[in-house]
Amino acid sequence: MSKQLIIVSSITYAMKSRELLFYYGIKAYVERLPRTPDMPGCGYGVYVPDRTDEAERILRREGIHVLGRRERVSSK
């Protein structure tokens, strides 16, 4: 099972997403995404260790614009 980041459009939406998911009992952490050719500029994601599919459904249902997902790169 891969570790997925849910990509959102800004740090503001990442923070709102984290708070919303905590409300639903889902752990979530805001992470800065590294620049890549397919995603230039500032990108932020919400790392959800468990229940990622459910978390994405909640965010979409609550009006958070989800840009997609990306595999989380370990910092170790």
N, C-alpha and C. Protein backbone atom coordinates (compact mmCIF):
# COMPACT_ATOMS: atom_id res chain seq x y z
N MET A 1 0.84 -1.17 0.00
CA MET A 1 0.00 0.00 0.00
C MET A 1 0.89 1.24 0.00
N SER A 2 0.65 2.17 -0.94
CA SER A 2 1.45 3.37 -1.02
C SER A 2 0.90 4.44 -0.10
N LYS A 3 1.74 5.37 0.26
CA LYS A 3 1.34 6.50 1.10
C LYS A 3 0.96 7.63 0.16
N GLN A 4 -0.27 8.08 0.23
CA GLN A 4 -0.78 9.06 -0.70
C GLN A 4 -0.97 10.44 -0.07
N LEU A 5 -0.68 11.46 -0.87
CA LEU A 5 -1.00 12.84 -0.53
C LEU A 5 -2.19 13.26 -1.37
N ILE A 6 -3.13 13.92 -0.77
CA ILE A 6 -4.25 14.50 -1.49
C ILE A 6 -3.82 15.93 -1.82
N ILE A 7 -3.74 16.25 -3.09
CA ILE A 7 -3.23 17.55 -3.52
C ILE A 7 -4.37 18.56 -3.60
N VAL A 8 -4.13 19.72 -2.99
CA VAL A 8 -5.09 20.82 -3.02
C VAL A 8 -4.38 22.06 -3.58
N SER A 9 -5.16 23.10 -3.85
CA SER A 9 -4.62 24.23 -4.59
C SER A 9 -3.82 25.25 -3.79
N SER A 10 -3.92 25.24 -2.47
CA SER A 10 -3.21 26.25 -1.69
C SER A 10 -3.00 25.79 -0.25
N ILE A 11 -2.15 26.52 0.44
CA ILE A 11 -1.92 26.23 1.85
C ILE A 11 -3.21 26.44 2.65
N THR A 12 -4.00 27.42 2.24
CA THR A 12 -5.27 27.68 2.93
C THR A 12 -6.19 26.47 2.85
N TYR A 13 -6.33 25.90 1.65
CA TYR A 13 -7.18 24.72 1.49
C TYR A 13 -6.59 23.50 2.18
N ALA A 14 -5.27 23.41 2.22
CA ALA A 14 -4.64 22.29 2.93
C ALA A 14 -4.96 22.36 4.42
N MET A 15 -4.88 23.56 4.99
CA MET A 15 -5.17 23.72 6.41
C MET A 15 -6.65 23.49 6.70
N LYS A 16 -7.53 23.98 5.84
CA LYS A 16 -8.96 23.73 6.01
C LYS A 16 -9.25 22.24 5.91
N SER A 17 -8.58 21.57 4.99
CA SER A 17 -8.77 20.14 4.80
C SER A 17 -8.35 19.37 6.05
N ARG A 18 -7.21 19.74 6.60
CA ARG A 18 -6.72 19.08 7.81
C ARG A 18 -7.73 19.22 8.94
N GLU A 19 -8.23 20.42 9.16
CA GLU A 19 -9.19 20.65 10.24
C GLU A 19 -10.49 19.89 10.00
N LEU A 20 -10.94 19.89 8.78
CA LEU A 20 -12.17 19.18 8.43
C LEU A 20 -12.02 17.68 8.68
N LEU A 21 -10.90 17.12 8.26
CA LEU A 21 -10.68 15.68 8.45
C LEU A 21 -10.53 15.33 9.92
N PHE A 22 -9.87 16.18 10.70
CA PHE A 22 -9.78 15.94 12.14
C PHE A 22 -11.18 15.90 12.76
N TYR A 23 -12.07 16.77 12.28
CA TYR A 23 -13.45 16.79 12.76
C TYR A 23 -14.12 15.42 12.53
N TYR A 24 -13.78 14.79 11.39
CA TYR A 24 -14.34 13.47 11.07
C TYR A 24 -13.53 12.32 11.68
N GLY A 25 -12.55 12.65 12.50
CA GLY A 25 -11.76 11.61 13.17
C GLY A 25 -10.68 10.99 12.31
N ILE A 26 -10.26 11.71 11.29
CA ILE A 26 -9.22 11.22 10.39
C ILE A 26 -7.96 12.06 10.58
N LYS A 27 -6.83 11.40 10.89
CA LYS A 27 -5.57 12.12 11.04
C LYS A 27 -5.12 12.63 9.67
N ALA A 28 -4.67 13.87 9.64
CA ALA A 28 -4.21 14.47 8.39
C ALA A 28 -3.12 15.49 8.71
N TYR A 29 -2.16 15.60 7.80
CA TYR A 29 -1.02 16.48 8.02
C TYR A 29 -0.74 17.26 6.73
N VAL A 30 -0.54 18.57 6.88
CA VAL A 30 -0.24 19.42 5.73
C VAL A 30 1.23 19.25 5.36
N GLU A 31 1.50 19.09 4.06
CA GLU A 31 2.87 18.96 3.58
C GLU A 31 3.07 19.80 2.34
N ARG A 32 4.23 20.40 2.24
CA ARG A 32 4.62 21.15 1.05
C ARG A 32 5.09 20.15 0.02
N LEU A 33 4.63 20.32 -1.22
CA LEU A 33 5.04 19.42 -2.29
C LEU A 33 6.26 19.97 -3.01
N PRO A 34 7.20 19.11 -3.35
CA PRO A 34 8.35 19.59 -4.12
C PRO A 34 7.93 19.97 -5.53
N ARG A 35 8.61 20.94 -6.11
CA ARG A 35 8.31 21.33 -7.49
C ARG A 35 8.72 20.21 -8.43
N THR A 36 7.87 19.97 -9.40
CA THR A 36 8.14 19.00 -10.45
C THR A 36 7.69 19.61 -11.77
N PRO A 37 8.13 19.04 -12.90
CA PRO A 37 7.71 19.60 -14.20
C PRO A 37 6.19 19.62 -14.38
N ASP A 38 5.49 18.63 -13.82
CA ASP A 38 4.03 18.59 -13.97
C ASP A 38 3.31 19.46 -12.95
N MET A 39 4.02 19.98 -11.94
CA MET A 39 3.40 20.84 -10.95
C MET A 39 4.37 21.96 -10.55
N PRO A 40 4.48 22.97 -11.40
CA PRO A 40 5.34 24.10 -11.04
C PRO A 40 4.63 24.97 -10.00
N GLY A 41 5.39 25.81 -9.33
CA GLY A 41 4.80 26.73 -8.36
C GLY A 41 4.55 26.05 -7.03
N CYS A 42 3.81 26.75 -6.20
CA CYS A 42 3.55 26.27 -4.85
C CYS A 42 2.47 25.21 -4.87
N GLY A 43 2.77 24.09 -4.29
CA GLY A 43 1.79 23.03 -4.18
C GLY A 43 1.76 22.51 -2.76
N TYR A 44 0.58 22.18 -2.32
CA TYR A 44 0.42 21.65 -0.98
C TYR A 44 -0.45 20.41 -1.03
N GLY A 45 -0.18 19.53 -0.11
CA GLY A 45 -0.97 18.31 -0.02
C GLY A 45 -1.33 18.02 1.41
N VAL A 46 -2.27 17.12 1.55
CA VAL A 46 -2.70 16.65 2.86
C VAL A 46 -2.35 15.17 2.92
N TYR A 47 -1.43 14.83 3.81
CA TYR A 47 -1.05 13.43 3.99
C TYR A 47 -2.02 12.80 4.96
N VAL A 48 -2.65 11.73 4.51
CA VAL A 48 -3.62 10.99 5.32
C VAL A 48 -3.10 9.56 5.41
N PRO A 49 -2.53 9.17 6.57
CA PRO A 49 -1.93 7.84 6.68
C PRO A 49 -2.90 6.68 6.48
N ASP A 50 -4.15 6.87 6.92
CA ASP A 50 -5.17 5.83 6.82
C ASP A 50 -6.45 6.46 6.30
N ARG A 51 -7.27 5.64 5.65
CA ARG A 51 -8.60 6.08 5.19
C ARG A 51 -8.51 7.20 4.14
N THR A 52 -7.52 7.10 3.27
CA THR A 52 -7.29 8.14 2.26
C THR A 52 -8.47 8.28 1.30
N ASP A 53 -9.03 7.17 0.85
CA ASP A 53 -10.17 7.24 -0.06
C ASP A 53 -11.35 7.94 0.60
N GLU A 54 -11.63 7.57 1.83
CA GLU A 54 -12.72 8.20 2.57
C GLU A 54 -12.45 9.70 2.77
N ALA A 55 -11.21 10.04 3.09
CA ALA A 55 -10.84 11.44 3.29
C ALA A 55 -11.06 12.25 2.01
N GLU A 56 -10.67 11.71 0.88
CA GLU A 56 -10.86 12.42 -0.38
C GLU A 56 -12.35 12.62 -0.67
N ARG A 57 -13.16 11.61 -0.43
CA ARG A 57 -14.61 11.75 -0.63
C ARG A 57 -15.19 12.86 0.26
N ILE A 58 -14.74 12.90 1.51
CA ILE A 58 -15.23 13.93 2.43
C ILE A 58 -14.85 15.32 1.93
N LEU A 59 -13.61 15.48 1.53
CA LEU A 59 -13.16 16.79 1.06
C LEU A 59 -13.95 17.25 -0.16
N ARG A 60 -14.15 16.35 -1.10
CA ARG A 60 -14.92 16.71 -2.31
C ARG A 60 -16.36 17.05 -1.94
N ARG A 61 -16.95 16.26 -1.07
CA ARG A 61 -18.34 16.50 -0.65
C ARG A 61 -18.48 17.85 0.05
N GLU A 62 -17.45 18.25 0.80
CA GLU A 62 -17.48 19.50 1.56
C GLU A 62 -17.03 20.71 0.74
N GLY A 63 -16.77 20.50 -0.55
CA GLY A 63 -16.47 21.62 -1.44
C GLY A 63 -15.01 21.99 -1.58
N ILE A 64 -14.10 21.14 -1.09
CA ILE A 64 -12.67 21.39 -1.26
C ILE A 64 -12.28 20.91 -2.66
N HIS A 65 -11.61 21.78 -3.42
CA HIS A 65 -11.20 21.42 -4.78
C HIS A 65 -9.94 20.56 -4.69
N VAL A 66 -10.09 19.27 -4.95
CA VAL A 66 -8.99 18.32 -4.92
C VAL A 66 -8.39 18.24 -6.32
N LEU A 67 -7.09 18.50 -6.42
CA LEU A 67 -6.41 18.47 -7.71
C LEU A 67 -5.99 17.07 -8.13
N GLY A 68 -5.87 16.17 -7.16
CA GLY A 68 -5.45 14.80 -7.46
C GLY A 68 -4.72 14.21 -6.29
N ARG A 69 -3.96 13.18 -6.59
CA ARG A 69 -3.15 12.51 -5.58
C ARG A 69 -1.75 12.30 -6.09
N ARG A 70 -0.85 12.18 -5.17
CA ARG A 70 0.54 11.89 -5.51
C ARG A 70 1.10 10.98 -4.45
N GLU A 71 1.99 10.11 -4.84
CA GLU A 71 2.65 9.25 -3.88
C GLU A 71 3.55 10.10 -2.99
N ARG A 72 3.49 9.83 -1.72
CA ARG A 72 4.31 10.58 -0.75
C ARG A 72 5.73 10.06 -0.80
N VAL A 73 6.67 10.98 -0.91
CA VAL A 73 8.08 10.62 -0.93
C VAL A 73 8.60 10.73 0.50
N SER A 74 9.18 9.64 0.99
CA SER A 74 9.69 9.63 2.35
C SER A 74 10.88 10.57 2.46
N SER A 75 10.98 11.27 3.58
CA SER A 75 12.09 12.20 3.79
C SER A 75 13.32 11.50 4.34
N LYS A 76 13.26 10.21 4.55
CA LYS A 76 14.40 9.46 5.11
C LYS A 76 15.22 8.84 4.01
